[in-house]
């Protein structure tokens, strides 16, 4: 396998994971077992996508990029699998919050060094902001989580498409 092929696979994973994340923002499936498998697949795709997105830019993203990448990878591995509270707290909720913070930091490092396109970084940043904004309104919290899921997924799909083009 060549480096180009490996980056193309990572790009495809980011695109697929991002689009699937957008898809599940509007609960399409009611069976909890099927949903768990779908979320696990999405998490795996996002993990492989994030690895490729980071490795394509690691020299420019600096320490903040490295730190946020490491925390993001750990958070993605933490939220994968069935929802459980083995430590007395929701591993999914804590992992998702940690992942959101990691992707905001990743977005900040992306913008700081002038990476293009800027859309993925703005999408990841906005995904965290929208949850907080909706929390301050009388709107149901599910609206914030739905919007955040769409923006989060869009950031990955966009970054994956950019990676695909860069490695063409």
N, C-alpha and C. Protein backbone atom coordinates (compact mmCIF):
# COMPACT_ATOMS: atom_id res chain seq x y z
N UNK A 1 0.84 -1.17 0.00
CA UNK A 1 0.00 0.00 0.00
C UNK A 1 0.89 1.24 0.00
N UNK A 2 0.53 2.20 -0.80
CA UNK A 2 1.30 3.44 -0.87
C UNK A 2 0.76 4.45 0.13
N UNK A 3 1.55 5.48 0.36
CA UNK A 3 1.13 6.55 1.25
C UNK A 3 -0.13 7.23 0.70
N UNK A 4 -0.16 7.44 -0.59
CA UNK A 4 -1.33 8.06 -1.22
C UNK A 4 -2.58 7.21 -0.98
N UNK A 5 -2.46 5.91 -1.14
CA UNK A 5 -3.61 5.03 -0.90
C UNK A 5 -4.06 5.08 0.55
N UNK A 6 -3.11 5.13 1.46
CA UNK A 6 -3.43 5.18 2.88
C UNK A 6 -4.16 6.48 3.23
N UNK A 7 -3.68 7.60 2.69
CA UNK A 7 -4.36 8.87 2.93
C UNK A 7 -5.73 8.89 2.26
N UNK A 8 -5.86 8.27 1.11
CA UNK A 8 -7.16 8.19 0.45
C UNK A 8 -8.15 7.39 1.29
N UNK A 9 -7.68 6.29 1.89
CA UNK A 9 -8.55 5.51 2.77
C UNK A 9 -8.98 6.32 3.99
N UNK A 10 -8.05 7.07 4.56
CA UNK A 10 -8.38 7.93 5.70
C UNK A 10 -9.39 9.00 5.28
N UNK A 11 -9.20 9.56 4.10
CA UNK A 11 -10.14 10.56 3.59
C UNK A 11 -11.52 9.95 3.41
N UNK A 12 -11.59 8.77 2.83
CA UNK A 12 -12.87 8.09 2.64
C UNK A 12 -13.53 7.79 3.98
N UNK A 13 -12.73 7.40 4.97
CA UNK A 13 -13.27 7.14 6.31
C UNK A 13 -13.83 8.41 6.93
N UNK A 14 -13.12 9.53 6.80
CA UNK A 14 -13.60 10.79 7.35
C UNK A 14 -14.89 11.23 6.66
N UNK A 15 -14.95 11.09 5.35
CA UNK A 15 -16.16 11.46 4.61
C UNK A 15 -17.33 10.57 5.03
N UNK A 16 -17.11 9.26 5.03
CA UNK A 16 -18.19 8.33 5.39
C UNK A 16 -18.63 8.53 6.84
N UNK A 17 -17.67 8.66 7.74
CA UNK A 17 -18.00 8.87 9.15
C UNK A 17 -18.74 10.18 9.36
N UNK A 18 -18.30 11.23 8.68
CA UNK A 18 -18.97 12.52 8.80
C UNK A 18 -20.39 12.50 8.26
N UNK A 19 -20.56 11.89 7.09
CA UNK A 19 -21.91 11.82 6.51
C UNK A 19 -22.83 10.95 7.35
N UNK A 20 -22.31 9.84 7.87
CA UNK A 20 -23.12 9.00 8.75
C UNK A 20 -23.47 9.72 10.05
N UNK A 21 -22.55 10.54 10.55
CA UNK A 21 -22.84 11.30 11.77
C UNK A 21 -23.97 12.30 11.52
N UNK A 22 -23.97 12.90 10.33
CA UNK A 22 -25.08 13.79 9.97
C UNK A 22 -26.38 13.00 9.90
N UNK A 23 -26.31 11.83 9.29
CA UNK A 23 -27.49 10.96 9.13
C UNK A 23 -28.11 10.60 10.48
N UNK A 24 -27.29 10.25 11.47
CA UNK A 24 -27.84 9.83 12.76
C UNK A 24 -28.20 11.00 13.66
N UNK A 25 -27.94 12.22 13.24
CA UNK A 25 -28.37 13.38 14.02
C UNK A 25 -29.89 13.44 14.08
N UNK A 26 -30.54 12.86 13.10
CA UNK A 26 -32.00 12.79 13.05
C UNK A 26 -32.36 11.32 13.20
N UNK A 27 -32.55 10.85 14.41
CA UNK A 27 -32.64 9.40 14.68
C UNK A 27 -33.44 8.62 13.64
N UNK A 28 -32.75 7.94 12.74
CA UNK A 28 -33.41 7.21 11.66
C UNK A 28 -33.82 5.79 12.06
N UNK A 29 -33.22 5.31 13.14
CA UNK A 29 -33.40 3.92 13.53
C UNK A 29 -33.84 3.91 14.99
N UNK A 30 -34.81 3.08 15.31
CA UNK A 30 -35.27 3.03 16.69
C UNK A 30 -34.71 1.85 17.46
N UNK A 31 -34.20 0.85 16.77
CA UNK A 31 -33.66 -0.32 17.45
C UNK A 31 -32.35 0.04 18.14
N UNK A 32 -32.27 -0.08 19.47
CA UNK A 32 -31.06 0.35 20.18
C UNK A 32 -29.80 -0.45 19.82
N UNK A 33 -29.95 -1.72 19.54
CA UNK A 33 -28.78 -2.54 19.19
C UNK A 33 -28.21 -2.09 17.84
N UNK A 34 -29.09 -1.90 16.87
CA UNK A 34 -28.65 -1.43 15.55
C UNK A 34 -27.99 -0.06 15.67
N UNK A 35 -28.59 0.82 16.47
CA UNK A 35 -28.02 2.16 16.67
C UNK A 35 -26.63 2.07 17.30
N UNK A 36 -26.44 1.20 18.29
CA UNK A 36 -25.13 1.04 18.92
C UNK A 36 -24.08 0.61 17.90
N UNK A 37 -24.45 -0.34 17.03
CA UNK A 37 -23.50 -0.79 16.00
C UNK A 37 -23.19 0.33 15.02
N UNK A 38 -24.22 1.10 14.68
CA UNK A 38 -24.02 2.22 13.75
C UNK A 38 -23.09 3.26 14.37
N UNK A 39 -23.33 3.60 15.64
CA UNK A 39 -22.46 4.57 16.32
C UNK A 39 -21.03 4.05 16.44
N UNK A 40 -20.89 2.76 16.71
CA UNK A 40 -19.55 2.19 16.80
C UNK A 40 -18.83 2.29 15.45
N UNK A 41 -19.55 1.98 14.38
CA UNK A 41 -18.96 2.12 13.04
C UNK A 41 -18.56 3.55 12.74
N UNK A 42 -19.42 4.49 13.12
CA UNK A 42 -19.12 5.91 12.90
C UNK A 42 -17.86 6.30 13.67
N UNK A 43 -17.79 5.88 14.93
CA UNK A 43 -16.62 6.22 15.75
C UNK A 43 -15.33 5.67 15.15
N UNK A 44 -15.37 4.45 14.63
CA UNK A 44 -14.19 3.86 14.01
C UNK A 44 -13.81 4.64 12.75
N UNK A 45 -14.79 4.99 11.94
CA UNK A 45 -14.51 5.78 10.72
C UNK A 45 -13.93 7.15 11.08
N UNK A 46 -14.52 7.81 12.09
CA UNK A 46 -14.00 9.12 12.49
C UNK A 46 -12.59 9.00 13.05
N UNK A 47 -12.32 7.93 13.76
CA UNK A 47 -10.97 7.72 14.30
C UNK A 47 -9.95 7.60 13.17
N UNK A 48 -10.22 6.73 12.19
CA UNK A 48 -9.30 6.58 11.07
C UNK A 48 -9.20 7.88 10.26
N UNK A 49 -10.32 8.57 10.11
CA UNK A 49 -10.30 9.84 9.40
C UNK A 49 -9.45 10.88 10.11
N UNK A 50 -9.63 10.98 11.43
CA UNK A 50 -8.86 11.95 12.21
C UNK A 50 -7.36 11.66 12.13
N UNK A 51 -7.01 10.40 12.16
CA UNK A 51 -5.58 10.03 12.05
C UNK A 51 -5.01 10.55 10.72
N UNK A 52 -5.71 10.31 9.63
CA UNK A 52 -5.23 10.77 8.33
C UNK A 52 -5.21 12.28 8.21
N UNK A 53 -6.26 12.93 8.71
CA UNK A 53 -6.33 14.40 8.65
C UNK A 53 -5.18 15.01 9.42
N UNK A 54 -4.90 14.47 10.61
CA UNK A 54 -3.80 15.00 11.41
C UNK A 54 -2.45 14.72 10.75
N UNK A 55 -2.21 13.47 10.35
CA UNK A 55 -0.90 13.12 9.79
C UNK A 55 -0.58 13.89 8.52
N UNK A 56 -1.60 14.28 7.77
CA UNK A 56 -1.37 15.07 6.57
C UNK A 56 -0.89 16.48 6.90
N UNK A 57 -1.15 16.94 8.11
CA UNK A 57 -0.85 18.33 8.48
C UNK A 57 0.01 18.46 9.74
N UNK A 58 0.49 17.36 10.29
CA UNK A 58 1.11 17.39 11.61
C UNK A 58 2.26 18.37 11.73
N UNK A 59 3.02 18.57 10.68
CA UNK A 59 4.18 19.46 10.78
C UNK A 59 3.77 20.91 10.99
N UNK A 60 2.58 21.26 10.52
CA UNK A 60 2.13 22.65 10.63
C UNK A 60 1.26 22.90 11.86
N UNK A 61 0.61 21.88 12.38
CA UNK A 61 -0.35 22.08 13.46
C UNK A 61 0.29 22.28 14.83
N UNK A 62 1.55 21.99 14.97
CA UNK A 62 2.27 22.28 16.20
C UNK A 62 1.81 21.48 17.40
N UNK A 63 2.20 21.97 18.59
CA UNK A 63 1.91 21.25 19.82
C UNK A 63 0.42 21.19 20.11
N UNK A 64 -0.30 22.29 19.89
CA UNK A 64 -1.75 22.28 20.13
C UNK A 64 -2.43 21.26 19.23
N UNK A 65 -1.99 21.16 17.99
CA UNK A 65 -2.53 20.16 17.08
C UNK A 65 -2.26 18.75 17.58
N UNK A 66 -1.03 18.51 18.04
CA UNK A 66 -0.67 17.20 18.56
C UNK A 66 -1.48 16.85 19.81
N UNK A 67 -1.54 17.79 20.75
CA UNK A 67 -2.26 17.54 22.00
C UNK A 67 -3.75 17.29 21.74
N UNK A 68 -4.35 18.11 20.90
CA UNK A 68 -5.78 17.94 20.62
C UNK A 68 -6.03 16.65 19.84
N UNK A 69 -5.12 16.29 18.96
CA UNK A 69 -5.23 15.02 18.24
C UNK A 69 -5.19 13.86 19.23
N UNK A 70 -4.23 13.87 20.13
CA UNK A 70 -4.11 12.80 21.12
C UNK A 70 -5.34 12.68 22.00
N UNK A 71 -5.85 13.80 22.45
CA UNK A 71 -7.06 13.77 23.29
C UNK A 71 -8.26 13.32 22.46
N UNK A 72 -8.34 13.76 21.21
CA UNK A 72 -9.44 13.35 20.33
C UNK A 72 -9.43 11.85 20.07
N UNK A 73 -8.26 11.28 19.82
CA UNK A 73 -8.15 9.84 19.60
C UNK A 73 -8.57 9.09 20.86
N UNK A 74 -8.10 9.55 22.02
CA UNK A 74 -8.49 8.90 23.28
C UNK A 74 -10.00 9.00 23.50
N UNK A 75 -10.57 10.16 23.23
CA UNK A 75 -12.01 10.35 23.43
C UNK A 75 -12.81 9.46 22.49
N UNK A 76 -12.40 9.36 21.23
CA UNK A 76 -13.11 8.48 20.29
C UNK A 76 -13.04 7.03 20.73
N UNK A 77 -11.91 6.61 21.27
CA UNK A 77 -11.82 5.23 21.72
C UNK A 77 -12.62 5.02 23.00
N UNK A 78 -12.81 6.06 23.77
CA UNK A 78 -13.55 5.98 25.03
C UNK A 78 -15.05 5.87 24.79
N UNK A 79 -15.56 6.55 23.76
CA UNK A 79 -17.01 6.56 23.54
C UNK A 79 -17.48 5.38 22.71
N UNK A 80 -16.56 4.66 22.06
CA UNK A 80 -16.96 3.53 21.24
C UNK A 80 -17.53 2.41 22.08
N UNK A 81 -18.49 1.71 21.53
CA UNK A 81 -19.08 0.58 22.23
C UNK A 81 -20.37 0.95 22.93
N UNK A 82 -20.93 -0.03 23.62
CA UNK A 82 -22.23 0.20 24.25
C UNK A 82 -22.15 1.21 25.38
N UNK A 83 -23.24 1.95 25.57
CA UNK A 83 -23.30 2.91 26.68
C UNK A 83 -23.26 2.14 27.98
N UNK A 84 -22.39 2.56 28.85
CA UNK A 84 -22.27 1.90 30.15
C UNK A 84 -21.72 2.91 31.15
N UNK A 85 -21.88 2.62 32.41
CA UNK A 85 -21.37 3.46 33.47
C UNK A 85 -20.46 2.66 34.39
N UNK A 86 -19.39 2.07 33.83
CA UNK A 86 -18.54 1.21 34.66
C UNK A 86 -17.76 1.98 35.72
N UNK A 87 -17.63 3.28 35.56
CA UNK A 87 -16.85 4.07 36.50
C UNK A 87 -17.73 5.00 37.35
N UNK A 88 -19.04 4.79 37.27
CA UNK A 88 -19.95 5.63 38.04
C UNK A 88 -20.38 6.90 37.32
N UNK A 89 -20.02 7.03 36.06
CA UNK A 89 -20.44 8.16 35.23
C UNK A 89 -20.60 7.66 33.81
N UNK A 90 -21.30 8.42 33.01
CA UNK A 90 -21.53 8.02 31.63
C UNK A 90 -20.27 8.21 30.81
N UNK A 91 -19.68 7.11 30.38
CA UNK A 91 -18.45 7.20 29.59
C UNK A 91 -18.73 7.88 28.25
N UNK A 92 -19.93 7.68 27.70
CA UNK A 92 -20.25 8.33 26.43
C UNK A 92 -20.33 9.84 26.61
N UNK A 93 -21.07 10.30 27.63
CA UNK A 93 -21.22 11.75 27.82
C UNK A 93 -19.87 12.43 28.06
N UNK A 94 -19.06 11.84 28.92
CA UNK A 94 -17.76 12.43 29.22
C UNK A 94 -16.84 12.36 28.01
N UNK A 95 -16.87 11.24 27.30
CA UNK A 95 -16.06 11.10 26.09
C UNK A 95 -16.48 12.05 25.00
N UNK A 96 -17.79 12.24 24.83
CA UNK A 96 -18.29 13.16 23.81
C UNK A 96 -17.91 14.60 24.13
N UNK A 97 -18.02 14.97 25.40
CA UNK A 97 -17.62 16.33 25.80
C UNK A 97 -16.12 16.53 25.59
N UNK A 98 -15.34 15.52 25.93
CA UNK A 98 -13.89 15.60 25.74
C UNK A 98 -13.55 15.69 24.26
N UNK A 99 -14.25 14.92 23.43
CA UNK A 99 -14.02 14.98 21.99
C UNK A 99 -14.37 16.36 21.43
N UNK A 100 -15.47 16.94 21.90
CA UNK A 100 -15.85 18.28 21.43
C UNK A 100 -14.76 19.30 21.78
N UNK A 101 -14.25 19.22 23.00
CA UNK A 101 -13.18 20.14 23.42
C UNK A 101 -11.92 19.91 22.58
N UNK A 102 -11.58 18.65 22.36
CA UNK A 102 -10.40 18.33 21.55
C UNK A 102 -10.54 18.88 20.13
N UNK A 103 -11.73 18.75 19.56
CA UNK A 103 -11.91 19.23 18.18
C UNK A 103 -11.94 20.75 18.11
N UNK A 104 -12.38 21.42 19.17
CA UNK A 104 -12.27 22.89 19.22
C UNK A 104 -10.80 23.28 19.24
N UNK A 105 -10.01 22.61 20.06
CA UNK A 105 -8.57 22.91 20.10
C UNK A 105 -7.91 22.59 18.76
N UNK A 106 -8.31 21.48 18.14
CA UNK A 106 -7.79 21.11 16.83
C UNK A 106 -8.15 22.20 15.82
N UNK A 107 -9.38 22.69 15.89
CA UNK A 107 -9.83 23.76 14.99
C UNK A 107 -9.01 25.04 15.21
N UNK A 108 -8.73 25.35 16.47
CA UNK A 108 -7.93 26.54 16.76
C UNK A 108 -6.53 26.41 16.19
N UNK A 109 -5.92 25.23 16.31
CA UNK A 109 -4.59 25.05 15.74
C UNK A 109 -4.65 25.13 14.21
N UNK A 110 -5.71 24.62 13.63
CA UNK A 110 -5.93 24.66 12.17
C UNK A 110 -6.00 26.11 11.69
N UNK A 111 -6.79 26.91 12.38
CA UNK A 111 -6.95 28.32 11.99
C UNK A 111 -5.67 29.10 12.26
N UNK A 112 -5.03 28.83 13.39
CA UNK A 112 -3.81 29.56 13.76
C UNK A 112 -2.73 29.47 12.70
N UNK A 113 -2.60 28.30 12.06
CA UNK A 113 -1.56 28.13 11.05
C UNK A 113 -2.07 28.37 9.63
N UNK A 114 -3.33 28.75 9.49
CA UNK A 114 -3.87 29.09 8.17
C UNK A 114 -4.14 27.90 7.27
N UNK A 115 -4.51 26.76 7.86
CA UNK A 115 -4.84 25.59 7.04
C UNK A 115 -6.07 25.88 6.20
N UNK A 116 -6.09 25.27 5.04
CA UNK A 116 -7.22 25.41 4.12
C UNK A 116 -7.79 24.04 3.84
N UNK A 117 -9.06 23.92 3.62
CA UNK A 117 -10.08 24.95 3.75
C UNK A 117 -10.38 25.23 5.22
N UNK A 118 -10.96 26.37 5.48
CA UNK A 118 -11.26 26.77 6.85
C UNK A 118 -12.57 26.17 7.34
N UNK A 119 -13.39 25.69 6.42
CA UNK A 119 -14.71 25.15 6.75
C UNK A 119 -14.71 24.05 7.81
N UNK A 120 -13.83 23.05 7.72
CA UNK A 120 -13.85 22.01 8.77
C UNK A 120 -13.63 22.59 10.16
N UNK A 121 -12.67 23.48 10.29
CA UNK A 121 -12.39 24.07 11.60
C UNK A 121 -13.58 24.86 12.11
N UNK A 122 -14.20 25.62 11.23
CA UNK A 122 -15.38 26.39 11.65
C UNK A 122 -16.53 25.48 12.04
N UNK A 123 -16.68 24.37 11.33
CA UNK A 123 -17.75 23.42 11.65
C UNK A 123 -17.52 22.78 13.01
N UNK A 124 -16.29 22.35 13.29
CA UNK A 124 -15.99 21.73 14.59
C UNK A 124 -16.18 22.72 15.71
N UNK A 125 -15.73 23.95 15.51
CA UNK A 125 -15.89 24.98 16.54
C UNK A 125 -17.37 25.27 16.77
N UNK A 126 -18.11 25.44 15.69
CA UNK A 126 -19.54 25.76 15.79
C UNK A 126 -20.33 24.63 16.44
N UNK A 127 -19.89 23.38 16.24
CA UNK A 127 -20.61 22.25 16.83
C UNK A 127 -20.60 22.34 18.36
N UNK A 128 -19.51 22.82 18.93
CA UNK A 128 -19.44 22.97 20.38
C UNK A 128 -20.20 24.21 20.84
N UNK A 129 -20.13 25.27 20.07
CA UNK A 129 -20.80 26.51 20.44
C UNK A 129 -22.31 26.36 20.42
N UNK A 130 -22.83 25.67 19.42
CA UNK A 130 -24.28 25.59 19.26
C UNK A 130 -24.94 24.88 20.45
N UNK A 131 -24.29 23.90 21.03
CA UNK A 131 -24.86 23.22 22.20
C UNK A 131 -25.00 24.20 23.36
N UNK A 132 -23.98 25.02 23.58
CA UNK A 132 -24.03 26.01 24.65
C UNK A 132 -25.06 27.08 24.40
N UNK A 133 -25.19 27.51 23.17
CA UNK A 133 -26.17 28.54 22.84
C UNK A 133 -27.59 28.02 23.04
N UNK A 134 -27.85 26.81 22.56
CA UNK A 134 -29.19 26.24 22.71
C UNK A 134 -29.51 26.01 24.19
N UNK A 135 -28.50 25.68 24.98
CA UNK A 135 -28.71 25.46 26.42
C UNK A 135 -29.19 26.74 27.11
N UNK A 136 -28.88 27.89 26.54
CA UNK A 136 -29.30 29.17 27.13
C UNK A 136 -30.66 29.64 26.63
N UNK A 137 -31.28 28.85 25.79
CA UNK A 137 -32.59 29.20 25.25
C UNK A 137 -33.64 28.23 25.78
N UNK A 138 -34.91 28.56 25.58
CA UNK A 138 -35.95 27.61 26.00
C UNK A 138 -36.15 26.44 25.04
N UNK A 139 -35.35 26.37 23.98
CA UNK A 139 -35.47 25.27 23.03
C UNK A 139 -35.09 23.94 23.69
N UNK A 140 -35.68 22.84 23.23
CA UNK A 140 -35.27 21.53 23.76
C UNK A 140 -33.80 21.26 23.46
N UNK A 141 -33.09 20.65 24.42
CA UNK A 141 -31.67 20.36 24.27
C UNK A 141 -31.40 19.46 23.06
N UNK A 142 -32.37 18.65 22.68
CA UNK A 142 -32.16 17.76 21.53
C UNK A 142 -31.87 18.55 20.27
N UNK A 143 -32.42 19.76 20.14
CA UNK A 143 -32.13 20.58 18.97
C UNK A 143 -30.65 20.94 18.91
N UNK A 144 -30.09 21.28 20.06
CA UNK A 144 -28.67 21.61 20.11
C UNK A 144 -27.80 20.43 19.75
N UNK A 145 -28.16 19.26 20.27
CA UNK A 145 -27.37 18.06 19.97
C UNK A 145 -27.51 17.65 18.51
N UNK A 146 -28.70 17.84 17.95
CA UNK A 146 -28.88 17.53 16.53
C UNK A 146 -28.03 18.47 15.67
N UNK A 147 -28.10 19.76 15.95
CA UNK A 147 -27.32 20.74 15.18
C UNK A 147 -25.83 20.48 15.35
N UNK A 148 -25.41 20.17 16.58
CA UNK A 148 -24.00 19.89 16.83
C UNK A 148 -23.55 18.66 16.05
N UNK A 149 -24.39 17.63 16.01
CA UNK A 149 -24.05 16.42 15.26
C UNK A 149 -23.88 16.69 13.78
N UNK A 150 -24.77 17.52 13.24
CA UNK A 150 -24.67 17.87 11.82
C UNK A 150 -23.38 18.64 11.56
N UNK A 151 -23.08 19.63 12.38
CA UNK A 151 -21.87 20.44 12.19
C UNK A 151 -20.60 19.60 12.39
N UNK A 152 -20.61 18.76 13.42
CA UNK A 152 -19.47 17.90 13.69
C UNK A 152 -19.20 16.97 12.51
N UNK A 153 -20.26 16.33 12.02
CA UNK A 153 -20.13 15.44 10.87
C UNK A 153 -19.70 16.18 9.62
N UNK A 154 -20.25 17.38 9.43
CA UNK A 154 -19.89 18.18 8.25
C UNK A 154 -18.41 18.53 8.28
N UNK A 155 -17.87 18.83 9.47
CA UNK A 155 -16.45 19.13 9.59
C UNK A 155 -15.58 17.96 9.14
N UNK A 156 -15.95 16.77 9.55
CA UNK A 156 -15.18 15.58 9.14
C UNK A 156 -15.33 15.30 7.65
N UNK A 157 -16.56 15.39 7.14
CA UNK A 157 -16.76 15.14 5.71
C UNK A 157 -15.97 16.15 4.88
N UNK A 158 -15.99 17.40 5.29
CA UNK A 158 -15.29 18.46 4.58
C UNK A 158 -13.78 18.25 4.64
N UNK A 159 -13.28 17.95 5.84
CA UNK A 159 -11.83 17.71 5.97
C UNK A 159 -11.42 16.47 5.19
N UNK A 160 -12.27 15.46 5.16
CA UNK A 160 -11.98 14.26 4.38
C UNK A 160 -11.92 14.55 2.90
N UNK A 161 -12.87 15.36 2.42
CA UNK A 161 -12.87 15.73 1.00
C UNK A 161 -11.62 16.52 0.65
N UNK A 162 -11.21 17.42 1.55
CA UNK A 162 -9.98 18.20 1.30
C UNK A 162 -8.76 17.28 1.29
N UNK A 163 -8.74 16.31 2.21
CA UNK A 163 -7.62 15.35 2.23
C UNK A 163 -7.59 14.53 0.94
N UNK A 164 -8.74 14.11 0.48
CA UNK A 164 -8.83 13.35 -0.78
C UNK A 164 -8.25 14.16 -1.92
N UNK A 165 -8.61 15.44 -2.01
CA UNK A 165 -8.12 16.29 -3.10
C UNK A 165 -6.62 16.55 -2.96
N UNK A 166 -6.15 16.76 -1.74
CA UNK A 166 -4.73 17.03 -1.54
C UNK A 166 -3.87 15.84 -1.94
N UNK A 167 -4.42 14.65 -1.79
CA UNK A 167 -3.67 13.43 -2.08
C UNK A 167 -4.02 12.83 -3.43
N UNK A 168 -4.67 13.64 -4.26
CA UNK A 168 -5.05 13.16 -5.61
C UNK A 168 -3.83 13.02 -6.49
